[in-house]
Structure formats: C-alpha cells, structure tokens
Amino acid sequence: MHCRAPQITTHPGITNHLTQFYASLPFEQTKSSLRMATQPPGPSCPSTMRAWKCTSSGSSRTCLTLQSDVFLPSLPLMGSKILVKVSHASLNPADLAFMTLFPYWLPFRRHPVLGLDFSGTVLEIGSSLPPDCEIKIGSKVAGAISHWDVGLGIGTLTEQVVVDVGQVALVPNNVEWLGMGQAAGAMGIAGQTAVCMVSSGAIRKGMRVLVNGASGGVGGLVVQICEGLGCDVVGICSGVNKNLVMGLGAIEVIDYKAHQDLAGYITARFGGRQDDNIDVIMDCTGSQELYANSPKYLKPDGKFINIVGGWSQGVVPFVRNKLRPVILGGVPRDYILFLLSANGLLSKQVAEYLENGIIKKVPIDSEFGMEQAVEAYEKLATGRAKGKIIVKMAS
C-alpha cells in the first residue's frame, strides 16, 4: 500500500494576495537590495563596481578590502527604492565599532560593505514612490542608511547603492558654499544626531548650553544650531580648536587639557546661584565624570544628553544613569541616552538649517580618495579629527 501526500490547491485570488503580502515584508524588500552582491545585471550594462568590504575583524588596515568585482544593483527597482551614484561618503565611529566589536563568525558580519553617510545623484527610481515625493532621476540627495542595512551588507563605501527614498533628502541648491562632501557630512549621521539632541533638549532662546566635544562632527553642528536658536553656547574641546569652536558660535571655550579637574572648574564657573547654572549639557564624548558631578552646575530641571554608549553600546550607562535611583547612588538629573534611527526627515531638517543660515559651516577635517579609505579610517580612529572625515567615491 502506497501513501500519497494530499495535493492542496489555492484559489488564484488568494495566491495573488499572499504574493503581494510577502513582497511587502521588510526582509523581502531587503533582498532586492542584496542582489547587488548576488546577481549581475543584463549583458548590455557594466557588470561590476568597486566597494570597500569588511573581510575580517580588527583595524581598518587589517579588515578592509577594496573589491572591484561587486555586482551592480539589479534593475528595475521595486517600491520606494532609489539607486544612487555615490559622490561622497562620510565616516562615523560606528564604522570602527562594526569592524572590531562584532565577531566575524556572525552570519550578518560576512563581507559587509561599510559606511552609513552618503551623498550622490539619483540614477533610477522605484515603481511606487510617494505621490508627493520631490526626488527624481538626476536629483542630488544626501542622507544615511541604518546599522541594520550595514549588517545586511548594504553600505555606502561603494560606487552605487540602493536605498529607500525615505532615507534621503534633497541637497539644498541655494547654499553656495555647500559641496557634496559637506552635504554627506552634514545630512548624514552627524547632522541627524545634532537635530535629535536639540529636540531632546527642548532648546529655546535664552538657554545656556554646554557642548562637550564641540570641535567634533556632531558637536560642531550642535554649537551652530543652538547658537542659531538664540542660546549662549559654551564649548569644551582642546585649546588648539578654540578658534574653530568660537567661529561656530560659542561665546566661551573651555580647554579640557588645561584643567586636571574639569568638573571642578565647571563647578566654579557655573555653580552657585541657579541663574548661573547650565540648562542643557550636550555630551558628544561620553563623559561619566561630567554627568556624575552635574548637580553642582546643571539646573534641577536641566537635561544631560549623551550620544556615546561606549563598549556596552549604551547598556551600562543607561542602567547606571537612568535606572539607578538616587537612594542607591543615582544622580538627580535627567539623563538622556539615545541611539539614532536615521531617516530622511531628519536630513530634511538639517537641509532647512543649512538653507536658513543656522548652519553656516560644516567642519571638515579632511577628504580622502576612494582608494585611501583605510587611511581615512585610521585618521578617524585617532579621535583627533576636527570635524568630519570624507571619502570621495566618484572619480
């Protein structure tokens, strides 16, 4: 006696609905972007492009490889995807963390393309962009992809990248000094983080804001936005960067190298009467000392905003500073720690700050050619960059 498996048939209408539903899932949409590394385009088009891939763990010199045989993204694009010819990429500390913190044996860690920030020109658009979308073929755009995208192998240190249209914004065309390299540095992770910090701090005219790490990529933009909104900004950086930070709008600069007890100096300068206290502290370097001593100089209703999670990716400082009650040694000041979720709306807000003159300058430390990405990351790893480090992808 032979057993025969039952045959199941599905009504065609149900099949169509299931197919549409499956195609709408985030993972299925991601697969179309991953074809850049798995399927070549048609014979009439160039078949490959160059991209920097992370082929092992460790420093940039150890793990980065420039590959010239990466398949171009496949066309046509589906949904709200766009294909961008990358002009410039901007480097972030998160790139270094991805190289060193995540073990190479993790499935998502196999040969990813690094890079979050980018600017470039739209080459193709998907079949169903939003009706009110201003982006079209030929548009100059900038923005950032997510850490999840990088984990799936879709980075911006490549000649072409497929992203969702919701991850970018138009580069302002009426800001004469703004180049595509500066657009990548401003409208990517740094600018979006600065916008979120200002929003989290409920920044308004008349506030006194202390920015730690004021000469960095994020800090330099925070200084300008807060000053442009009518705040008195005090920056913390090394003395050699004093003129830079003053030029961005700070009314005072504290050289952290000149004070062995930095918290003690800030207490002497801004402690005492509540009117002399600081309203918001923007910490772009992750100083636990600055927060632990903050009741001495931060107003009782003030906010301490930190964007650096450290080796634990934010777990340790969140538990120690947000969850621990005062009775058990917690600090009686509002502590905000966030990890950015990049999106085009934040890039658009940065673009508006650029257009209305609130952001007057995008501090650029240096620009490297595509073949020099290893050297660019080595400069980033020193922690001494005065602004953003840019890699020019287009020749």
Protein backbone atom coordinates (compact mmCIF):
# COMPACT_ATOMS: atom_id res chain seq x y z
CA MET A 1 0.00 0.00 0.00
CA HIS A 2 1.44 3.35 -1.04
CA CYS A 3 0.75 6.54 0.85
CA ARG A 4 0.18 9.59 -1.30
CA ALA A 5 0.57 13.11 0.01
CA PRO A 6 -2.59 15.16 -0.40
CA GLN A 7 -2.48 17.87 -3.05
CA ILE A 8 -3.51 21.32 -1.84
CA THR A 9 -4.72 23.91 -4.28
CA THR A 10 -5.18 27.59 -3.62
CA HIS A 11 -7.60 29.97 -5.25
CA PRO A 12 -5.72 32.32 -7.65
CA GLY A 13 -7.02 35.41 -5.86
CA ILE A 14 -5.66 34.19 -2.52
CA THR A 15 -2.33 33.38 -4.17
CA ASN A 16 -2.06 36.92 -5.51
CA HIS A 17 -2.82 38.43 -2.08
CA LEU A 18 -0.22 36.21 -0.40
CA THR A 19 2.37 37.11 -3.01
CA GLN A 20 1.75 40.83 -2.53
CA PHE A 21 1.87 40.48 1.24
CA TYR A 22 5.16 38.56 1.15
CA ALA A 23 6.73 41.12 -1.19
CA SER A 24 5.78 43.90 1.24
CA LEU A 25 7.71 42.37 4.15
CA PRO A 26 10.88 44.31 5.14
CA PHE A 27 13.06 41.23 4.71
CA GLU A 28 11.78 40.60 1.19
CA GLN A 29 12.36 44.24 0.26
CA THR A 30 15.86 43.99 1.68
CA LYS A 31 16.56 41.00 -0.56
CA SER A 32 16.16 43.14 -3.67
CA SER A 33 18.89 45.43 -2.36
CA LEU A 34 21.11 42.44 -1.53
CA ARG A 35 21.07 41.44 -5.19
CA MET A 36 23.87 43.96 -5.61
CA ALA A 37 26.14 41.21 -4.27
CA THR A 38 24.45 38.15 -5.77
CA GLN A 39 23.04 38.83 -9.24
CA PRO A 40 24.69 40.60 -12.18
CA PRO A 41 22.69 42.97 -14.39
CA GLY A 42 21.91 42.32 -18.02
CA PRO A 43 24.64 41.89 -20.66
CA SER A 44 24.12 45.38 -22.08
CA CYS A 45 25.22 47.09 -18.84
CA PRO A 46 28.53 47.19 -16.97
CA SER A 47 28.51 44.22 -14.66
CA THR A 48 30.57 45.29 -11.65
CA MET A 49 31.55 48.21 -9.44
CA ARG A 50 34.04 48.91 -6.68
CA ALA A 51 33.21 48.72 -2.96
CA TRP A 52 35.09 48.53 0.33
CA LYS A 53 34.21 45.29 2.11
CA CYS A 54 34.97 44.23 5.66
CA THR A 55 36.55 40.80 5.13
CA SER A 56 37.79 40.12 8.67
CA SER A 57 37.86 41.70 12.14
CA GLY A 58 40.22 44.30 13.57
CA SER A 59 41.64 47.61 12.40
CA SER A 60 40.78 49.14 9.05
CA ARG A 61 44.15 48.10 7.61
CA THR A 62 43.53 44.52 8.69
CA CYS A 63 39.93 44.01 7.68
CA LEU A 64 39.08 46.35 4.79
CA THR A 65 39.45 45.19 1.19
CA LEU A 66 38.69 47.23 -1.93
CA GLN A 67 36.90 44.85 -4.29
CA SER A 68 36.28 45.69 -7.94
CA ASP A 69 34.07 42.70 -8.77
CA VAL A 70 30.95 43.62 -6.79
CA PHE A 71 27.84 43.22 -8.95
CA LEU A 72 25.91 46.37 -9.72
CA PRO A 73 22.40 46.62 -8.21
CA SER A 74 19.80 44.84 -10.31
CA LEU A 75 17.05 46.75 -12.10
CA PRO A 76 14.20 47.59 -12.25
CA LEU A 77 13.78 48.84 -8.69
CA MET A 78 10.71 47.91 -6.70
CA GLY A 79 8.54 50.01 -4.41
CA SER A 80 10.07 53.18 -2.99
CA LYS A 81 13.70 52.24 -3.65
CA ILE A 82 16.11 54.56 -5.45
CA LEU A 83 19.52 53.89 -6.98
CA VAL A 84 22.15 56.49 -6.08
CA LYS A 85 25.55 57.02 -7.67
CA VAL A 86 27.57 57.80 -4.56
CA SER A 87 29.60 61.00 -4.75
CA HIS A 88 30.93 61.17 -1.18
CA ALA A 89 30.75 59.09 1.98
CA SER A 90 31.26 60.44 5.49
CA LEU A 91 32.86 58.26 8.18
CA ASN A 92 31.46 57.62 11.67
CA PRO A 93 32.78 55.99 14.87
CA ALA A 94 30.06 53.35 14.44
CA ASP A 95 32.01 52.05 11.44
CA LEU A 96 35.00 51.34 13.68
CA ALA A 97 32.75 49.56 16.17
CA PHE A 98 31.38 47.35 13.42
CA MET A 99 34.92 46.34 12.43
CA THR A 100 36.02 45.44 15.95
CA LEU A 101 33.08 44.62 18.24
CA PHE A 102 31.06 42.11 16.22
CA PRO A 103 32.67 38.65 15.78
CA TYR A 104 33.44 37.74 12.20
CA TRP A 105 31.61 34.39 12.51
CA LEU A 106 28.21 36.06 12.90
CA PRO A 107 26.12 35.48 9.74
CA PHE A 108 25.38 39.18 9.18
CA ARG A 109 29.07 40.01 9.63
CA ARG A 110 30.28 38.23 6.48
CA HIS A 111 31.82 40.67 3.99
CA PRO A 112 29.57 43.69 4.56
CA VAL A 113 30.11 46.98 2.76
CA LEU A 114 30.83 49.65 5.40
CA GLY A 115 29.62 53.24 5.53
CA LEU A 116 26.46 54.99 6.73
CA ASP A 117 26.54 58.55 5.37
CA PHE A 118 26.47 59.43 1.70
CA SER A 119 25.62 62.00 -0.94
CA GLY A 120 25.11 61.45 -4.63
CA THR A 121 22.93 61.58 -7.72
CA VAL A 122 19.77 59.54 -8.27
CA LEU A 123 20.17 57.21 -11.27
CA GLU A 124 16.92 55.22 -11.07
CA ILE A 125 13.70 55.31 -9.04
CA GLY A 126 11.33 52.59 -7.92
CA SER A 127 7.92 51.83 -9.30
CA SER A 128 5.90 53.37 -6.49
CA LEU A 129 7.47 56.43 -4.89
CA PRO A 130 5.09 58.52 -2.73
CA PRO A 131 2.93 60.89 -4.83
CA ASP A 132 4.33 63.98 -3.11
CA CYS A 133 7.96 62.89 -3.46
CA GLU A 134 10.22 65.61 -4.88
CA ILE A 135 13.06 63.23 -5.67
CA LYS A 136 13.50 62.18 -9.28
CA ILE A 137 16.20 60.89 -11.61
CA GLY A 138 19.05 63.40 -11.56
CA SER A 139 18.27 64.75 -8.07
CA LYS A 140 21.18 65.49 -5.75
CA VAL A 141 20.47 63.76 -2.42
CA ALA A 142 22.15 63.02 0.89
CA GLY A 143 21.33 61.01 3.96
CA ALA A 144 22.30 57.90 5.88
CA ILE A 145 21.42 54.24 5.91
CA SER A 146 20.75 52.25 9.06
CA HIS A 147 23.08 49.98 11.03
CA TRP A 148 20.72 47.16 10.07
CA ASP A 149 21.45 47.84 6.39
CA VAL A 150 25.20 47.63 7.01
CA GLY A 151 24.68 44.35 8.84
CA LEU A 152 22.97 43.00 5.73
CA GLY A 153 25.88 44.09 3.54
CA ILE A 154 24.48 47.35 2.16
CA GLY A 155 26.96 50.13 2.93
CA THR A 156 27.84 53.44 1.30
CA LEU A 157 31.57 52.96 0.64
CA THR A 158 30.61 51.84 -2.84
CA GLU A 159 30.07 53.42 -6.22
CA GLN A 160 26.32 52.78 -6.29
CA VAL A 161 23.82 51.98 -3.55
CA VAL A 162 20.11 51.16 -3.39
CA VAL A 163 18.23 52.83 -0.53
CA ASP A 164 14.67 53.67 0.35
CA VAL A 165 13.65 57.16 -0.72
CA GLY A 166 12.66 57.82 2.90
CA GLN A 167 16.34 57.67 3.92
CA VAL A 168 17.41 60.74 1.94
CA ALA A 169 16.59 64.40 1.38
CA LEU A 170 17.36 66.82 -1.40
CA VAL A 171 20.67 68.66 -1.11
CA PRO A 172 19.90 72.41 -0.97
CA ASN A 173 20.80 74.03 -4.27
CA ASN A 174 20.75 77.60 -2.95
CA VAL A 175 23.63 77.31 -0.46
CA GLU A 176 26.64 78.42 -2.49
CA TRP A 177 29.33 77.07 -0.17
CA LEU A 178 27.77 73.62 0.24
CA GLY A 179 29.54 70.89 -1.74
CA MET A 180 28.51 67.24 -1.96
CA GLY A 181 31.20 66.25 0.53
CA GLN A 182 29.88 68.74 3.05
CA ALA A 183 26.32 67.56 2.35
CA ALA A 184 27.31 63.99 3.21
CA GLY A 185 28.93 65.17 6.46
CA ALA A 186 26.02 67.40 7.49
CA MET A 187 22.94 65.47 6.37
CA GLY A 188 24.17 62.06 7.48
CA ILE A 189 24.52 60.65 11.00
CA ALA A 190 26.22 63.75 12.48
CA GLY A 191 23.59 66.25 11.40
CA GLN A 192 20.70 63.96 12.19
CA THR A 193 22.14 63.31 15.65
CA ALA A 194 22.55 67.05 16.24
CA VAL A 195 18.90 67.63 15.30
CA CYS A 196 17.77 64.92 17.72
CA MET A 197 19.92 66.30 20.54
CA VAL A 198 18.46 69.78 20.08
CA SER A 199 14.94 68.33 20.03
CA SER A 200 15.56 66.18 23.13
CA GLY A 201 16.89 69.20 24.99
CA ALA A 202 13.85 71.31 24.07
CA ILE A 203 16.32 74.04 23.12
CA ARG A 204 14.93 77.58 23.07
CA LYS A 205 16.16 81.14 23.11
CA GLY A 206 17.98 82.30 26.23
CA MET A 207 19.24 78.91 27.39
CA ARG A 208 22.83 78.27 28.44
CA VAL A 209 24.07 75.12 26.69
CA LEU A 210 27.33 73.29 27.39
CA VAL A 211 28.63 71.19 24.48
CA ASN A 212 31.29 68.61 25.32
CA GLY A 213 33.25 67.64 22.21
CA ALA A 214 32.38 70.90 20.49
CA SER A 215 35.01 70.56 17.75
CA GLY A 216 33.81 67.17 16.51
CA GLY A 217 31.46 66.34 13.66
CA VAL A 218 28.33 66.29 15.83
CA GLY A 219 29.45 68.89 18.38
CA GLY A 220 30.30 71.48 15.74
CA LEU A 221 26.78 71.26 14.32
CA VAL A 222 25.16 71.31 17.78
CA VAL A 223 27.04 74.51 18.61
CA GLN A 224 25.75 76.21 15.47
CA ILE A 225 22.14 75.08 15.84
CA CYS A 226 21.92 76.09 19.50
CA GLU A 227 23.55 79.46 18.78
CA GLY A 228 21.24 80.00 15.84
CA LEU A 229 18.23 79.32 18.06
CA GLY A 230 19.34 82.05 20.46
CA CYS A 231 21.30 80.15 23.13
CA ASP A 232 24.52 81.06 24.90
CA VAL A 233 26.80 78.16 23.97
CA VAL A 234 29.87 77.09 25.91
CA GLY A 235 32.10 74.55 24.19
CA ILE A 236 34.53 72.03 25.64
CA CYS A 237 37.43 70.99 23.41
CA SER A 238 41.21 71.16 23.29
CA GLY A 239 42.80 74.58 23.23
CA VAL A 240 44.07 74.18 19.67
CA ASN A 241 40.46 74.07 18.47
CA LYS A 242 39.33 77.15 20.38
CA ASN A 243 39.19 79.44 17.35
CA LEU A 244 37.28 76.85 15.37
CA VAL A 245 34.58 76.47 18.02
CA MET A 246 34.37 80.21 18.66
CA GLY A 247 33.90 80.67 14.94
CA LEU A 248 30.96 78.27 15.03
CA GLY A 249 29.14 80.45 17.55
CA ALA A 250 30.33 79.57 21.06
CA ILE A 251 30.66 82.53 23.43
CA GLU A 252 33.21 80.67 25.58
CA VAL A 253 35.51 77.67 25.15
CA ILE A 254 36.86 75.50 27.96
CA ASP A 255 40.14 73.73 27.22
CA TYR A 256 39.77 70.34 28.90
CA LYS A 257 43.51 69.79 28.75
CA ALA A 258 44.13 72.90 30.82
CA HIS A 259 42.09 71.63 33.80
CA GLN A 260 43.07 68.46 35.62
CA ASP A 261 39.73 68.60 37.46
CA LEU A 262 37.40 69.59 34.64
CA ALA A 263 34.22 69.09 36.67
CA GLY A 264 35.70 71.21 39.45
CA TYR A 265 36.41 74.05 37.02
CA ILE A 266 32.89 73.89 35.57
CA THR A 267 31.50 73.93 39.11
CA ALA A 268 33.50 77.03 39.95
CA ARG A 269 32.42 78.69 36.71
CA PHE A 270 28.73 77.77 36.61
CA GLY A 271 27.87 76.57 40.12
CA GLY A 272 26.40 78.66 42.92
CA ARG A 273 23.28 80.60 42.07
CA GLN A 274 20.73 78.75 39.95
CA ASP A 275 20.70 81.61 37.45
CA ASP A 276 24.35 80.83 36.74
CA ASN A 277 23.69 77.13 36.17
CA ILE A 278 23.60 75.36 32.82
CA ASP A 279 20.25 74.49 31.25
CA VAL A 280 21.35 71.62 29.00
CA ILE A 281 24.56 69.64 28.64
CA MET A 282 25.19 68.03 25.26
CA ASP A 283 27.82 65.33 25.72
CA CYS A 284 29.31 64.16 22.42
CA THR A 285 32.19 62.23 24.01
CA GLY A 286 30.57 60.13 26.75
CA SER A 287 31.93 61.64 29.98
CA GLN A 288 30.63 59.88 33.07
CA GLU A 289 32.51 62.37 35.27
CA LEU A 290 30.63 65.26 33.69
CA TYR A 291 27.27 63.66 34.47
CA ALA A 292 28.18 62.40 37.96
CA ASN A 293 29.04 65.96 39.04
CA SER A 294 26.26 67.67 37.10
CA PRO A 295 24.05 68.55 40.13
CA LYS A 296 26.73 71.10 41.01
CA TYR A 297 26.25 73.09 37.79
CA LEU A 298 23.21 71.75 35.91
CA LYS A 299 19.82 73.19 36.86
CA PRO A 300 17.47 70.82 38.74
CA ASP A 301 15.18 70.65 35.72
CA GLY A 302 18.10 70.58 33.28
CA LYS A 303 18.91 67.77 30.87
CA PHE A 304 22.09 65.83 30.30
CA ILE A 305 22.10 64.35 26.77
CA ASN A 306 24.68 61.72 25.85
CA ILE A 307 25.16 60.07 22.45
CA VAL A 308 28.13 57.80 23.24
CA GLY A 309 27.19 54.34 24.51
CA GLY A 310 30.76 53.08 24.99
CA TRP A 311 31.87 49.45 24.78
CA SER A 312 28.48 48.19 26.01
CA GLN A 313 26.65 50.09 23.24
CA GLY A 314 24.74 52.08 25.83
CA VAL A 315 23.63 49.32 28.21
CA VAL A 316 25.95 50.20 31.10
CA PRO A 317 25.44 54.00 31.10
CA PHE A 318 21.67 53.57 30.67
CA VAL A 319 21.37 51.25 33.67
CA ARG A 320 23.76 53.27 35.81
CA ASN A 321 22.43 56.73 34.97
CA LYS A 322 18.81 56.21 34.01
CA LEU A 323 17.55 53.28 36.06
CA ARG A 324 19.51 53.58 39.33
CA PRO A 325 17.52 55.53 41.93
CA VAL A 326 19.10 58.39 43.85
CA ILE A 327 18.85 56.46 47.12
CA LEU A 328 21.22 53.87 45.63
CA GLY A 329 23.70 56.41 44.31
CA GLY A 330 21.90 57.66 41.21
CA VAL A 331 22.42 61.23 40.02
CA PRO A 332 19.38 63.51 40.48
CA ARG A 333 19.46 64.97 36.97
CA ASP A 334 17.57 63.95 33.85
CA TYR A 335 19.79 61.67 31.75
CA ILE A 336 19.02 61.03 28.09
CA LEU A 337 20.92 58.45 26.05
CA PHE A 338 19.77 57.59 22.57
CA LEU A 339 20.89 55.67 19.52
CA LEU A 340 19.93 57.36 16.30
CA SER A 341 17.44 55.83 13.89
CA ALA A 342 18.48 57.52 10.66
CA ASN A 343 15.79 58.80 8.32
CA GLY A 344 15.26 61.34 5.59
CA LEU A 345 13.03 63.61 7.66
CA LEU A 346 15.99 64.39 9.91
CA SER A 347 18.16 65.00 6.85
CA LYS A 348 15.49 67.40 5.59
CA GLN A 349 15.60 69.30 8.89
CA VAL A 350 19.36 69.66 8.52
CA ALA A 351 18.83 70.92 4.97
CA GLU A 352 16.44 73.57 6.31
CA TYR A 353 19.03 74.68 8.87
CA LEU A 354 21.52 74.98 6.01
CA GLU A 355 19.10 76.98 3.85
CA ASN A 356 18.12 79.46 6.55
CA GLY A 357 21.70 80.05 7.65
CA ILE A 358 21.55 78.48 11.10
CA ILE A 359 24.25 76.04 9.99
CA LYS A 360 26.85 78.28 8.38
CA LYS A 361 29.68 75.80 8.11
CA VAL A 362 30.20 72.05 8.00
CA PRO A 363 33.55 71.41 9.73
CA ILE A 364 35.55 69.04 7.51
CA ASP A 365 38.75 67.61 8.94
CA SER A 366 39.99 66.01 5.74
CA GLU A 367 38.95 64.41 2.46
CA PHE A 368 40.40 61.19 1.05
CA GLY A 369 40.06 59.46 -2.31
CA MET A 370 38.18 56.18 -2.57
CA GLU A 371 41.44 54.21 -2.67
CA GLN A 372 42.51 55.86 0.62
CA ALA A 373 39.59 54.70 2.78
CA VAL A 374 41.96 52.73 5.07
CA GLU A 375 43.95 55.89 5.81
CA ALA A 376 40.70 57.79 6.36
CA TYR A 377 39.58 55.29 8.99
CA GLU A 378 43.00 55.40 10.64
CA LYS A 379 42.58 59.15 11.00
CA LEU A 380 39.10 58.64 12.45
CA ALA A 381 40.46 56.10 14.95
CA THR A 382 42.82 58.69 16.45
CA GLY A 383 39.82 60.56 17.89
CA ARG A 384 41.50 63.83 16.96
CA ALA A 385 39.50 64.79 13.89
CA LYS A 386 38.39 68.43 13.74
CA GLY A 387 35.06 67.81 12.06
CA LYS A 388 34.00 65.15 9.59
CA ILE A 389 36.26 62.86 7.58
CA ILE A 390 35.07 62.47 3.98
CA VAL A 391 35.83 59.85 1.34
CA LYS A 392 35.27 60.94 -2.25
CA MET A 393 33.79 57.95 -4.06
CA ALA A 394 33.29 59.42 -7.54
CA SER A 395 36.32 59.99 -9.74
